N, C-alpha and C. Protein backbone atom coordinates (compact mmCIF):
# COMPACT_ATOMS: atom_id res chain seq x y z
N MET A 1 35.97 85.55 -86.21
CA MET A 1 35.14 84.37 -86.36
C MET A 1 34.57 84.24 -87.76
N ALA A 2 35.16 84.84 -88.73
CA ALA A 2 34.59 84.83 -90.07
C ALA A 2 34.77 83.49 -90.76
N TYR A 3 35.74 82.70 -90.29
CA TYR A 3 36.05 81.46 -90.99
C TYR A 3 34.86 80.51 -91.11
N PRO A 4 34.13 80.20 -90.02
CA PRO A 4 33.07 79.21 -90.15
C PRO A 4 31.74 79.75 -90.61
N ASP A 5 31.61 81.06 -90.89
CA ASP A 5 30.31 81.63 -91.22
C ASP A 5 29.66 80.95 -92.41
N LYS A 6 30.43 80.59 -93.42
CA LYS A 6 29.87 79.96 -94.61
C LYS A 6 29.35 78.56 -94.32
N LEU A 7 29.74 77.98 -93.19
CA LEU A 7 29.32 76.63 -92.84
C LEU A 7 28.09 76.61 -91.94
N LEU A 8 27.64 77.77 -91.50
CA LEU A 8 26.57 77.83 -90.52
C LEU A 8 25.20 77.77 -91.18
N GLN A 9 24.23 77.25 -90.42
CA GLN A 9 22.85 77.27 -90.86
C GLN A 9 22.25 78.64 -90.56
N SER A 10 21.04 78.86 -91.05
CA SER A 10 20.45 80.19 -90.94
C SER A 10 20.21 80.60 -89.49
N ASP A 11 19.84 79.66 -88.62
CA ASP A 11 19.55 79.97 -87.22
C ASP A 11 20.67 79.55 -86.29
N GLU A 12 21.87 79.33 -86.83
CA GLU A 12 23.00 78.86 -86.04
C GLU A 12 23.96 80.01 -85.75
N LYS A 13 24.48 80.06 -84.53
CA LYS A 13 25.39 81.12 -84.12
C LYS A 13 26.66 80.52 -83.52
N VAL A 14 27.78 81.18 -83.77
CA VAL A 14 29.05 80.77 -83.18
C VAL A 14 29.11 81.28 -81.74
N VAL A 15 29.38 80.36 -80.81
CA VAL A 15 29.50 80.72 -79.40
C VAL A 15 30.97 80.85 -79.00
N GLU A 16 31.82 79.98 -79.51
CA GLU A 16 33.25 80.01 -79.19
C GLU A 16 34.05 79.51 -80.38
N HIS A 17 35.12 80.23 -80.70
CA HIS A 17 36.02 79.85 -81.79
C HIS A 17 37.44 79.84 -81.23
N LEU A 18 38.05 78.65 -81.17
CA LEU A 18 39.33 78.48 -80.49
C LEU A 18 40.38 77.91 -81.43
N HIS A 19 41.63 78.26 -81.13
CA HIS A 19 42.80 77.56 -81.64
C HIS A 19 43.45 76.85 -80.45
N PRO A 20 44.34 75.90 -80.70
CA PRO A 20 45.07 75.32 -79.57
C PRO A 20 45.78 76.39 -78.76
N HIS A 21 46.07 76.07 -77.52
CA HIS A 21 46.68 77.03 -76.60
C HIS A 21 48.01 77.54 -77.16
N TRP A 22 48.31 78.80 -76.88
CA TRP A 22 49.54 79.41 -77.39
C TRP A 22 50.79 78.72 -76.87
N ILE A 23 50.68 77.97 -75.79
CA ILE A 23 51.85 77.30 -75.24
C ILE A 23 52.44 76.31 -76.23
N THR A 24 51.62 75.83 -77.17
CA THR A 24 52.12 74.88 -78.16
C THR A 24 53.10 75.53 -79.13
N LEU A 25 53.13 76.86 -79.18
CA LEU A 25 54.04 77.57 -80.08
C LEU A 25 55.38 77.90 -79.44
N VAL A 26 55.52 77.65 -78.15
CA VAL A 26 56.77 77.99 -77.47
C VAL A 26 57.96 77.21 -78.05
N PRO A 27 57.89 75.88 -78.23
CA PRO A 27 59.03 75.18 -78.83
C PRO A 27 59.39 75.70 -80.22
N ALA A 28 58.37 75.96 -81.04
CA ALA A 28 58.64 76.47 -82.39
C ALA A 28 59.33 77.83 -82.34
N THR A 29 58.91 78.67 -81.40
CA THR A 29 59.54 79.98 -81.27
C THR A 29 60.98 79.87 -80.79
N LEU A 30 61.24 78.98 -79.84
CA LEU A 30 62.61 78.77 -79.36
C LEU A 30 63.51 78.23 -80.46
N TRP A 31 62.97 77.30 -81.26
CA TRP A 31 63.75 76.78 -82.39
C TRP A 31 64.06 77.89 -83.39
N PHE A 32 63.12 78.78 -83.62
CA PHE A 32 63.34 79.88 -84.54
C PHE A 32 64.51 80.76 -84.07
N ILE A 33 64.51 81.09 -82.79
CA ILE A 33 65.59 81.93 -82.25
C ILE A 33 66.93 81.19 -82.32
N LEU A 34 66.92 79.91 -81.95
CA LEU A 34 68.16 79.14 -81.93
C LEU A 34 68.74 78.97 -83.34
N ILE A 35 67.89 78.65 -84.31
CA ILE A 35 68.38 78.43 -85.68
C ILE A 35 68.90 79.73 -86.28
N CYS A 36 68.17 80.82 -86.07
CA CYS A 36 68.64 82.11 -86.60
C CYS A 36 69.97 82.52 -85.97
N ALA A 37 70.09 82.29 -84.65
CA ALA A 37 71.35 82.64 -83.98
C ALA A 37 72.50 81.78 -84.49
N ALA A 38 72.25 80.47 -84.66
CA ALA A 38 73.31 79.59 -85.15
C ALA A 38 73.70 79.93 -86.58
N ALA A 39 72.71 80.25 -87.41
CA ALA A 39 73.02 80.62 -88.80
C ALA A 39 73.81 81.93 -88.84
N GLY A 40 73.44 82.87 -87.98
CA GLY A 40 74.18 84.13 -87.95
C GLY A 40 75.63 83.94 -87.52
N LEU A 41 75.84 83.09 -86.52
CA LEU A 41 77.21 82.82 -86.08
C LEU A 41 78.00 82.09 -87.16
N GLY A 42 77.32 81.14 -87.83
CA GLY A 42 78.02 80.40 -88.90
C GLY A 42 78.43 81.31 -90.03
N ILE A 43 77.55 82.23 -90.42
CA ILE A 43 77.89 83.15 -91.51
C ILE A 43 78.97 84.13 -91.06
N GLY A 44 78.88 84.58 -89.80
CA GLY A 44 79.85 85.55 -89.32
C GLY A 44 81.26 84.99 -89.18
N PHE A 45 81.36 83.71 -88.81
CA PHE A 45 82.67 83.10 -88.60
C PHE A 45 83.08 82.18 -89.75
N ALA A 46 82.39 82.28 -90.87
CA ALA A 46 82.77 81.45 -92.03
C ALA A 46 84.15 81.87 -92.53
N PRO A 47 85.03 80.91 -92.77
CA PRO A 47 86.39 81.27 -93.22
C PRO A 47 86.39 81.85 -94.63
N ASP A 48 87.29 82.76 -94.87
CA ASP A 48 87.42 83.34 -96.20
C ASP A 48 88.12 82.34 -97.12
N GLY A 49 87.89 82.56 -98.41
CA GLY A 49 88.53 81.70 -99.39
C GLY A 49 87.58 81.36 -100.50
N SER A 50 87.98 80.41 -101.31
CA SER A 50 87.18 80.03 -102.47
C SER A 50 85.87 79.36 -102.07
N ALA A 51 85.85 78.72 -100.91
CA ALA A 51 84.64 78.00 -100.48
C ALA A 51 83.72 78.87 -99.62
N HIS A 52 84.06 80.15 -99.47
CA HIS A 52 83.27 81.02 -98.59
C HIS A 52 81.82 81.12 -99.06
N SER A 53 81.63 81.42 -100.33
CA SER A 53 80.26 81.59 -100.87
C SER A 53 79.48 80.29 -100.77
N ILE A 54 80.14 79.17 -101.08
CA ILE A 54 79.44 77.87 -101.02
C ILE A 54 79.02 77.57 -99.58
N LEU A 55 79.89 77.89 -98.62
CA LEU A 55 79.56 77.64 -97.22
C LEU A 55 78.40 78.51 -96.76
N ILE A 56 78.39 79.77 -97.20
CA ILE A 56 77.29 80.66 -96.83
C ILE A 56 75.97 80.14 -97.37
N ILE A 57 75.98 79.72 -98.64
CA ILE A 57 74.75 79.20 -99.25
C ILE A 57 74.28 77.94 -98.52
N ALA A 58 75.22 77.09 -98.16
CA ALA A 58 74.87 75.85 -97.45
C ALA A 58 74.25 76.16 -96.09
N ILE A 59 74.80 77.13 -95.37
CA ILE A 59 74.24 77.51 -94.07
C ILE A 59 72.82 78.04 -94.23
N ILE A 60 72.61 78.88 -95.24
CA ILE A 60 71.27 79.46 -95.45
C ILE A 60 70.26 78.38 -95.82
N VAL A 61 70.65 77.45 -96.71
CA VAL A 61 69.73 76.39 -97.13
C VAL A 61 69.37 75.48 -95.96
N VAL A 62 70.39 75.05 -95.20
CA VAL A 62 70.13 74.18 -94.05
C VAL A 62 69.29 74.91 -93.01
N GLY A 63 69.59 76.18 -92.75
CA GLY A 63 68.82 76.95 -91.79
C GLY A 63 67.36 77.11 -92.22
N PHE A 64 67.15 77.34 -93.52
CA PHE A 64 65.77 77.48 -94.01
C PHE A 64 65.00 76.17 -93.87
N ILE A 65 65.62 75.04 -94.18
CA ILE A 65 64.95 73.74 -94.05
C ILE A 65 64.58 73.48 -92.59
N LEU A 66 65.52 73.77 -91.68
CA LEU A 66 65.23 73.57 -90.26
C LEU A 66 64.12 74.49 -89.77
N LEU A 67 64.10 75.72 -90.27
CA LEU A 67 63.04 76.64 -89.88
C LEU A 67 61.67 76.14 -90.36
N CYS A 68 61.61 75.65 -91.60
CA CYS A 68 60.34 75.13 -92.13
C CYS A 68 59.84 73.95 -91.32
N TRP A 69 60.76 73.08 -90.91
CA TRP A 69 60.38 71.86 -90.21
C TRP A 69 60.06 72.11 -88.74
N LEU A 70 60.88 72.90 -88.07
CA LEU A 70 60.77 73.05 -86.62
C LEU A 70 60.00 74.29 -86.18
N SER A 71 59.86 75.28 -87.06
CA SER A 71 59.18 76.52 -86.67
C SER A 71 57.93 76.81 -87.49
N PHE A 72 58.08 76.91 -88.81
CA PHE A 72 56.95 77.31 -89.65
C PHE A 72 55.84 76.26 -89.64
N LYS A 73 56.20 75.00 -89.68
CA LYS A 73 55.18 73.93 -89.69
C LYS A 73 54.31 73.97 -88.44
N PRO A 74 54.87 74.03 -87.23
CA PRO A 74 53.99 74.13 -86.04
C PRO A 74 53.15 75.39 -86.02
N TRP A 75 53.71 76.51 -86.49
CA TRP A 75 52.91 77.74 -86.53
C TRP A 75 51.72 77.60 -87.47
N ILE A 76 51.94 77.02 -88.65
CA ILE A 76 50.84 76.86 -89.61
C ILE A 76 49.81 75.87 -89.08
N GLU A 77 50.26 74.79 -88.45
CA GLU A 77 49.32 73.81 -87.88
C GLU A 77 48.47 74.45 -86.80
N TRP A 78 49.08 75.30 -85.98
CA TRP A 78 48.32 75.99 -84.93
C TRP A 78 47.28 76.92 -85.55
N ARG A 79 47.67 77.66 -86.58
CA ARG A 79 46.76 78.65 -87.17
C ARG A 79 45.62 77.99 -87.93
N THR A 80 45.83 76.82 -88.46
CA THR A 80 44.80 76.15 -89.26
C THR A 80 44.02 75.10 -88.48
N THR A 81 44.21 75.04 -87.18
CA THR A 81 43.41 74.15 -86.33
C THR A 81 42.32 74.98 -85.67
N HIS A 82 41.07 74.61 -85.91
CA HIS A 82 39.93 75.37 -85.41
C HIS A 82 39.03 74.45 -84.58
N TYR A 83 38.68 74.92 -83.39
CA TYR A 83 37.65 74.30 -82.55
C TYR A 83 36.51 75.31 -82.45
N VAL A 84 35.40 75.03 -83.11
CA VAL A 84 34.29 75.99 -83.18
C VAL A 84 33.07 75.38 -82.50
N PHE A 85 32.56 76.06 -81.48
CA PHE A 85 31.34 75.63 -80.79
C PHE A 85 30.20 76.55 -81.21
N THR A 86 29.14 75.97 -81.73
CA THR A 86 27.97 76.74 -82.13
C THR A 86 26.76 76.31 -81.32
N THR A 87 25.64 76.94 -81.58
CA THR A 87 24.41 76.59 -80.86
C THR A 87 23.83 75.26 -81.32
N HIS A 88 24.37 74.68 -82.41
CA HIS A 88 23.84 73.42 -82.94
C HIS A 88 24.84 72.28 -82.92
N ARG A 89 26.14 72.58 -83.00
CA ARG A 89 27.12 71.52 -83.20
C ARG A 89 28.52 72.00 -82.86
N ILE A 90 29.47 71.08 -83.00
CA ILE A 90 30.89 71.37 -82.84
C ILE A 90 31.56 71.14 -84.18
N LEU A 91 32.31 72.13 -84.65
CA LEU A 91 33.04 72.02 -85.91
C LEU A 91 34.53 71.94 -85.60
N ILE A 92 35.20 70.94 -86.17
CA ILE A 92 36.63 70.74 -85.98
C ILE A 92 37.30 70.74 -87.34
N ARG A 93 38.29 71.61 -87.53
CA ARG A 93 39.00 71.70 -88.79
C ARG A 93 40.50 71.70 -88.50
N ARG A 94 41.23 70.90 -89.28
CA ARG A 94 42.67 70.80 -89.11
C ARG A 94 43.35 70.72 -90.47
N GLY A 95 44.54 71.33 -90.57
CA GLY A 95 45.40 71.15 -91.73
C GLY A 95 45.17 72.14 -92.85
N VAL A 96 46.18 72.21 -93.75
CA VAL A 96 46.11 73.05 -94.94
C VAL A 96 46.19 72.17 -96.18
N LEU A 97 47.35 71.56 -96.40
CA LEU A 97 47.50 70.68 -97.56
C LEU A 97 46.65 69.42 -97.39
N ARG A 98 46.70 68.86 -96.21
CA ARG A 98 45.87 67.70 -95.90
C ARG A 98 44.80 68.16 -94.91
N HIS A 99 43.67 68.57 -95.48
CA HIS A 99 42.61 69.18 -94.69
C HIS A 99 41.69 68.09 -94.15
N ALA A 100 41.42 68.17 -92.85
CA ALA A 100 40.52 67.20 -92.20
C ALA A 100 39.52 67.97 -91.35
N GLY A 101 38.30 67.47 -91.31
CA GLY A 101 37.26 68.13 -90.54
C GLY A 101 36.21 67.16 -90.05
N ARG A 102 35.53 67.56 -88.99
CA ARG A 102 34.44 66.76 -88.44
C ARG A 102 33.42 67.68 -87.80
N ASP A 103 32.15 67.37 -88.00
CA ASP A 103 31.06 68.09 -87.37
C ASP A 103 30.32 67.13 -86.44
N ILE A 104 30.10 67.55 -85.20
CA ILE A 104 29.40 66.73 -84.22
C ILE A 104 28.16 67.48 -83.76
N SER A 105 26.99 66.93 -84.03
CA SER A 105 25.75 67.56 -83.59
C SER A 105 25.63 67.46 -82.08
N LEU A 106 25.17 68.52 -81.45
CA LEU A 106 25.06 68.53 -80.00
C LEU A 106 24.11 67.45 -79.48
N GLN A 107 23.08 67.12 -80.24
CA GLN A 107 22.13 66.12 -79.78
C GLN A 107 22.71 64.71 -79.78
N ARG A 108 23.85 64.50 -80.47
CA ARG A 108 24.47 63.19 -80.51
C ARG A 108 25.55 63.01 -79.44
N ILE A 109 25.87 64.07 -78.72
CA ILE A 109 26.92 63.99 -77.71
C ILE A 109 26.35 63.39 -76.42
N SER A 110 27.03 62.38 -75.93
CA SER A 110 26.59 61.71 -74.70
C SER A 110 27.41 62.11 -73.49
N ASP A 111 28.64 62.57 -73.69
CA ASP A 111 29.47 62.92 -72.55
C ASP A 111 30.60 63.85 -73.00
N VAL A 112 30.94 64.79 -72.12
CA VAL A 112 32.06 65.71 -72.35
C VAL A 112 32.92 65.70 -71.10
N ALA A 113 34.22 65.41 -71.26
CA ALA A 113 35.13 65.37 -70.12
C ALA A 113 36.41 66.13 -70.45
N PHE A 114 37.13 66.54 -69.41
CA PHE A 114 38.41 67.21 -69.63
C PHE A 114 39.44 66.63 -68.68
N THR A 115 40.70 66.67 -69.09
CA THR A 115 41.82 66.22 -68.27
C THR A 115 42.91 67.28 -68.31
N GLN A 116 43.60 67.43 -67.17
CA GLN A 116 44.66 68.42 -67.06
C GLN A 116 45.83 67.82 -66.28
N SER A 117 47.01 68.01 -66.79
CA SER A 117 48.21 67.70 -66.03
C SER A 117 48.54 68.90 -65.15
N LEU A 118 49.58 68.75 -64.34
CA LEU A 118 50.00 69.88 -63.50
C LEU A 118 50.42 71.06 -64.36
N TRP A 119 51.15 70.78 -65.45
CA TRP A 119 51.56 71.85 -66.34
C TRP A 119 50.36 72.50 -67.02
N ASP A 120 49.38 71.69 -67.40
CA ASP A 120 48.17 72.25 -68.01
C ASP A 120 47.45 73.19 -67.05
N ARG A 121 47.42 72.83 -65.79
CA ARG A 121 46.74 73.69 -64.81
C ARG A 121 47.48 75.01 -64.64
N ILE A 122 48.81 74.98 -64.78
CA ILE A 122 49.59 76.21 -64.64
C ILE A 122 49.31 77.15 -65.81
N VAL A 123 49.27 76.60 -67.04
CA VAL A 123 49.08 77.44 -68.22
C VAL A 123 47.61 77.59 -68.60
N LYS A 124 46.72 76.96 -67.84
CA LYS A 124 45.26 77.03 -68.08
C LYS A 124 44.91 76.44 -69.45
N ALA A 125 45.28 75.20 -69.64
CA ALA A 125 44.94 74.46 -70.86
C ALA A 125 44.53 73.05 -70.45
N GLY A 126 44.28 72.19 -71.43
CA GLY A 126 43.91 70.82 -71.12
C GLY A 126 43.38 70.11 -72.35
N THR A 127 42.94 68.88 -72.14
CA THR A 127 42.40 68.04 -73.20
C THR A 127 40.91 67.81 -72.95
N VAL A 128 40.09 68.05 -73.95
CA VAL A 128 38.65 67.85 -73.87
C VAL A 128 38.28 66.63 -74.72
N THR A 129 37.60 65.67 -74.10
CA THR A 129 37.19 64.44 -74.78
C THR A 129 35.68 64.45 -74.95
N ILE A 130 35.24 64.24 -76.18
CA ILE A 130 33.81 64.28 -76.51
C ILE A 130 33.37 62.89 -76.95
N GLU A 131 32.38 62.34 -76.25
CA GLU A 131 31.81 61.05 -76.61
C GLU A 131 30.49 61.29 -77.35
N SER A 132 30.36 60.65 -78.51
CA SER A 132 29.14 60.84 -79.30
C SER A 132 28.77 59.53 -79.97
N ALA A 133 27.51 59.47 -80.41
CA ALA A 133 27.04 58.29 -81.12
C ALA A 133 27.58 58.30 -82.55
N GLY A 134 27.86 57.14 -83.09
CA GLY A 134 28.36 57.06 -84.46
C GLY A 134 29.57 56.16 -84.55
N GLU A 135 30.07 55.99 -85.77
CA GLU A 135 31.21 55.11 -86.01
C GLU A 135 32.46 55.64 -85.33
N HIS A 136 32.71 56.95 -85.43
CA HIS A 136 33.84 57.57 -84.76
C HIS A 136 33.29 58.27 -83.51
N GLY A 137 33.09 57.48 -82.46
CA GLY A 137 32.36 57.97 -81.30
C GLY A 137 33.11 58.95 -80.44
N GLN A 138 34.43 58.90 -80.44
CA GLN A 138 35.20 59.75 -79.54
C GLN A 138 36.07 60.73 -80.32
N GLU A 139 36.06 61.97 -79.87
CA GLU A 139 36.89 63.01 -80.46
C GLU A 139 37.66 63.69 -79.34
N THR A 140 38.98 63.83 -79.53
CA THR A 140 39.84 64.42 -78.52
C THR A 140 40.38 65.76 -79.03
N LEU A 141 40.12 66.81 -78.28
CA LEU A 141 40.63 68.14 -78.59
C LEU A 141 41.79 68.42 -77.64
N THR A 142 42.99 68.52 -78.17
CA THR A 142 44.18 68.67 -77.35
C THR A 142 44.55 70.15 -77.21
N ASP A 143 45.18 70.45 -76.09
CA ASP A 143 45.68 71.81 -75.82
C ASP A 143 44.58 72.86 -75.97
N VAL A 144 43.43 72.58 -75.37
CA VAL A 144 42.30 73.51 -75.44
C VAL A 144 42.48 74.59 -74.38
N PRO A 145 42.43 75.86 -74.75
CA PRO A 145 42.53 76.92 -73.73
C PRO A 145 41.34 76.87 -72.77
N ARG A 146 41.62 77.04 -71.46
CA ARG A 146 40.57 77.04 -70.43
C ARG A 146 39.67 75.82 -70.59
N SER A 147 40.27 74.65 -70.57
CA SER A 147 39.55 73.41 -70.89
C SER A 147 38.38 73.17 -69.94
N GLU A 148 38.54 73.50 -68.67
CA GLU A 148 37.44 73.27 -67.72
C GLU A 148 36.24 74.15 -68.07
N GLN A 149 36.48 75.40 -68.40
CA GLN A 149 35.38 76.29 -68.80
C GLN A 149 34.75 75.84 -70.10
N GLN A 150 35.55 75.35 -71.04
CA GLN A 150 35.01 74.88 -72.31
C GLN A 150 34.14 73.64 -72.12
N GLN A 151 34.52 72.78 -71.18
CA GLN A 151 33.70 71.61 -70.89
C GLN A 151 32.34 72.02 -70.33
N GLN A 152 32.34 73.00 -69.43
CA GLN A 152 31.08 73.50 -68.87
C GLN A 152 30.24 74.20 -69.94
N LEU A 153 30.91 74.93 -70.83
CA LEU A 153 30.20 75.59 -71.91
C LEU A 153 29.52 74.58 -72.82
N LEU A 154 30.22 73.50 -73.16
CA LEU A 154 29.63 72.48 -74.02
C LEU A 154 28.42 71.82 -73.36
N ASN A 155 28.52 71.54 -72.08
CA ASN A 155 27.38 70.95 -71.37
C ASN A 155 26.19 71.90 -71.39
N ARG A 156 26.44 73.19 -71.22
CA ARG A 156 25.33 74.16 -71.26
C ARG A 156 24.72 74.24 -72.66
N LEU A 157 25.56 74.22 -73.69
CA LEU A 157 25.04 74.26 -75.06
C LEU A 157 24.21 73.01 -75.37
N ILE A 158 24.63 71.86 -74.86
CA ILE A 158 23.87 70.62 -75.08
C ILE A 158 22.50 70.73 -74.43
N GLU A 159 22.44 71.25 -73.21
CA GLU A 159 21.16 71.41 -72.53
C GLU A 159 20.26 72.41 -73.27
N GLU A 160 20.83 73.52 -73.71
CA GLU A 160 20.03 74.51 -74.44
C GLU A 160 19.54 73.95 -75.77
N ASP A 161 20.36 73.15 -76.44
CA ASP A 161 19.94 72.56 -77.70
C ASP A 161 18.80 71.58 -77.48
N ALA A 162 18.87 70.78 -76.40
CA ALA A 162 17.79 69.83 -76.10
C ALA A 162 16.50 70.58 -75.78
N SER A 163 16.58 71.68 -75.02
CA SER A 163 15.39 72.47 -74.71
C SER A 163 14.80 73.10 -75.97
N ARG A 164 15.66 73.58 -76.85
CA ARG A 164 15.18 74.18 -78.10
C ARG A 164 14.45 73.15 -78.95
N ARG A 165 14.99 71.96 -79.04
CA ARG A 165 14.34 70.91 -79.83
C ARG A 165 13.02 70.49 -79.20
N GLN A 166 12.98 70.47 -77.87
CA GLN A 166 11.73 70.10 -77.19
C GLN A 166 10.65 71.14 -77.44
N ARG A 167 11.03 72.43 -77.35
CA ARG A 167 10.05 73.48 -77.63
C ARG A 167 9.57 73.43 -79.06
N ALA A 168 10.48 73.14 -80.00
CA ALA A 168 10.08 73.05 -81.40
C ALA A 168 9.10 71.90 -81.61
N ALA A 169 9.36 70.77 -80.95
CA ALA A 169 8.45 69.62 -81.08
C ALA A 169 7.09 69.92 -80.48
N GLN A 170 7.07 70.58 -79.32
CA GLN A 170 5.79 70.93 -78.70
C GLN A 170 5.02 71.94 -79.55
N GLY A 171 5.76 72.89 -80.14
CA GLY A 171 5.10 73.86 -81.01
C GLY A 171 4.48 73.21 -82.22
N TYR A 172 5.15 72.21 -82.78
CA TYR A 172 4.61 71.51 -83.95
C TYR A 172 3.37 70.72 -83.56
N GLN A 173 3.41 70.06 -82.40
CA GLN A 173 2.24 69.30 -81.96
C GLN A 173 1.07 70.23 -81.67
N GLY A 174 1.38 71.41 -81.08
CA GLY A 174 0.32 72.37 -80.82
C GLY A 174 -0.31 72.89 -82.09
N TYR A 175 0.50 73.11 -83.11
CA TYR A 175 -0.04 73.57 -84.39
C TYR A 175 -0.93 72.52 -85.01
N GLN A 176 -0.53 71.24 -84.91
CA GLN A 176 -1.32 70.17 -85.49
C GLN A 176 -2.67 70.04 -84.78
N GLY A 177 -2.71 70.32 -83.46
CA GLY A 177 -3.95 70.14 -82.71
C GLY A 177 -4.61 71.43 -82.29
N TYR A 178 -4.30 72.55 -82.97
CA TYR A 178 -4.84 73.87 -82.65
C TYR A 178 -4.42 74.31 -81.26
N PRO A 179 -3.54 75.26 -81.13
CA PRO A 179 -3.09 75.76 -79.82
C PRO A 179 -4.26 76.23 -78.98
N GLN A 180 -4.17 75.97 -77.66
CA GLN A 180 -5.21 76.34 -76.70
C GLN A 180 -6.57 75.72 -77.05
N GLY A 181 -6.58 74.70 -77.87
CA GLY A 181 -7.82 74.02 -78.20
C GLY A 181 -8.75 74.80 -79.08
N GLN A 182 -8.31 75.89 -79.68
CA GLN A 182 -9.16 76.73 -80.51
C GLN A 182 -8.69 76.68 -81.96
N PRO A 183 -9.58 76.52 -82.89
CA PRO A 183 -9.19 76.59 -84.31
C PRO A 183 -8.86 78.02 -84.69
N PRO A 184 -8.17 78.21 -85.77
CA PRO A 184 -7.84 79.57 -86.22
C PRO A 184 -9.10 80.39 -86.46
N GLN A 185 -9.06 81.64 -85.99
CA GLN A 185 -10.23 82.51 -86.06
C GLN A 185 -10.17 83.51 -87.21
N GLN A 186 -8.99 83.68 -87.82
CA GLN A 186 -8.84 84.69 -88.87
C GLN A 186 -8.55 84.01 -90.20
N PRO A 187 -9.14 84.55 -91.27
CA PRO A 187 -8.81 84.01 -92.60
C PRO A 187 -7.32 84.15 -92.88
N GLY A 188 -6.79 83.16 -93.54
CA GLY A 188 -5.37 83.16 -93.86
C GLY A 188 -4.54 82.38 -92.89
N GLN A 189 -5.06 82.12 -91.68
CA GLN A 189 -4.31 81.32 -90.72
C GLN A 189 -4.39 79.84 -91.10
N PRO A 190 -3.31 79.09 -90.82
CA PRO A 190 -3.35 77.66 -91.13
C PRO A 190 -4.49 76.98 -90.42
N GLY A 191 -5.23 76.19 -91.15
CA GLY A 191 -6.33 75.44 -90.57
C GLY A 191 -7.67 76.16 -90.61
N TYR A 192 -7.69 77.43 -91.07
CA TYR A 192 -8.96 78.15 -91.13
C TYR A 192 -9.83 77.52 -92.21
N PRO A 193 -11.11 77.25 -91.90
CA PRO A 193 -11.96 76.57 -92.90
C PRO A 193 -12.10 77.39 -94.18
N THR A 194 -11.95 76.69 -95.30
CA THR A 194 -12.03 77.37 -96.59
C THR A 194 -13.45 77.49 -97.10
N GLN A 195 -14.35 76.61 -96.64
CA GLN A 195 -15.74 76.66 -97.13
C GLN A 195 -16.52 77.66 -96.29
N GLN A 196 -17.12 78.62 -96.93
CA GLN A 196 -17.90 79.64 -96.25
C GLN A 196 -19.34 79.60 -96.77
N TYR A 197 -20.26 79.96 -95.91
CA TYR A 197 -21.68 79.99 -96.28
C TYR A 197 -22.12 81.45 -96.39
N SER A 198 -22.90 81.72 -97.46
CA SER A 198 -23.34 83.09 -97.69
C SER A 198 -24.39 83.54 -96.69
N GLN A 199 -25.26 82.61 -96.22
CA GLN A 199 -26.29 82.97 -95.25
C GLN A 199 -26.29 81.92 -94.15
N PRO A 200 -26.54 82.35 -92.95
CA PRO A 200 -26.61 81.36 -91.86
C PRO A 200 -27.85 80.51 -92.00
N TYR A 201 -27.75 79.31 -91.53
CA TYR A 201 -28.90 78.41 -91.57
C TYR A 201 -29.96 78.92 -90.61
N PRO A 202 -31.21 79.13 -91.08
CA PRO A 202 -32.24 79.72 -90.20
C PRO A 202 -32.56 78.80 -89.04
N PRO A 203 -32.73 79.37 -87.86
CA PRO A 203 -33.06 78.52 -86.69
C PRO A 203 -34.44 77.93 -86.84
N GLN A 204 -34.60 76.73 -86.36
CA GLN A 204 -35.88 76.04 -86.41
C GLN A 204 -36.51 76.04 -85.02
N PRO A 205 -37.80 76.38 -84.95
CA PRO A 205 -38.46 76.36 -83.63
C PRO A 205 -38.61 74.94 -83.10
N TYR A 206 -38.64 74.83 -81.85
CA TYR A 206 -38.83 73.54 -81.21
C TYR A 206 -39.81 73.69 -80.06
N PRO A 207 -40.85 72.87 -80.01
CA PRO A 207 -41.16 71.79 -80.99
C PRO A 207 -41.64 72.37 -82.30
N PRO A 208 -41.61 71.58 -83.36
CA PRO A 208 -42.04 72.07 -84.68
C PRO A 208 -43.47 72.61 -84.61
N GLN A 209 -43.68 73.71 -85.28
CA GLN A 209 -45.01 74.30 -85.34
C GLN A 209 -45.64 73.97 -86.68
N ASP A 210 -46.96 73.72 -86.62
CA ASP A 210 -47.71 73.41 -87.84
C ASP A 210 -48.08 74.72 -88.55
């Protein structure tokens, strides 16, 4: 979880750091095996002759291009996609060359929902949709591992964030009006009177005596 540490506030903690579900890498892995096998067969059965070296180079170049497009690109996209849930917000980061990111404060989220197909339920993944206030009100997180649990986790974090803000507001109001109705009793405390008298005012008898 070291990646988002530099983005966190002093009192903010990472609760969950996710990449898309590993199932998204299955096609890229199958393409890798298929391309390597086809390239190996092509090199092994390449006819001898003057064009042998040129044919070998062509097979390697085409195989490398296909690997970059069908295998390496999905792997890099998976590794550079981050879904980070903290005690204050949600951080979303995608891409390497074309880097995109969004931060959603928990207090701005109005609804969190998840959807699962039959296949998603089998592999324990799904899509999480986050509704929030702002110009870009909806954010969709695809292929989220354990999407149902993540939806419940987000709802719990939203409730805890609201409670934390409420306690902070009550604490500030209490400080402004002296907690428990008592002014500060010790020097150095906020609100302690700065003007001090060297001698107490002498009591006056009542009724006044001549």
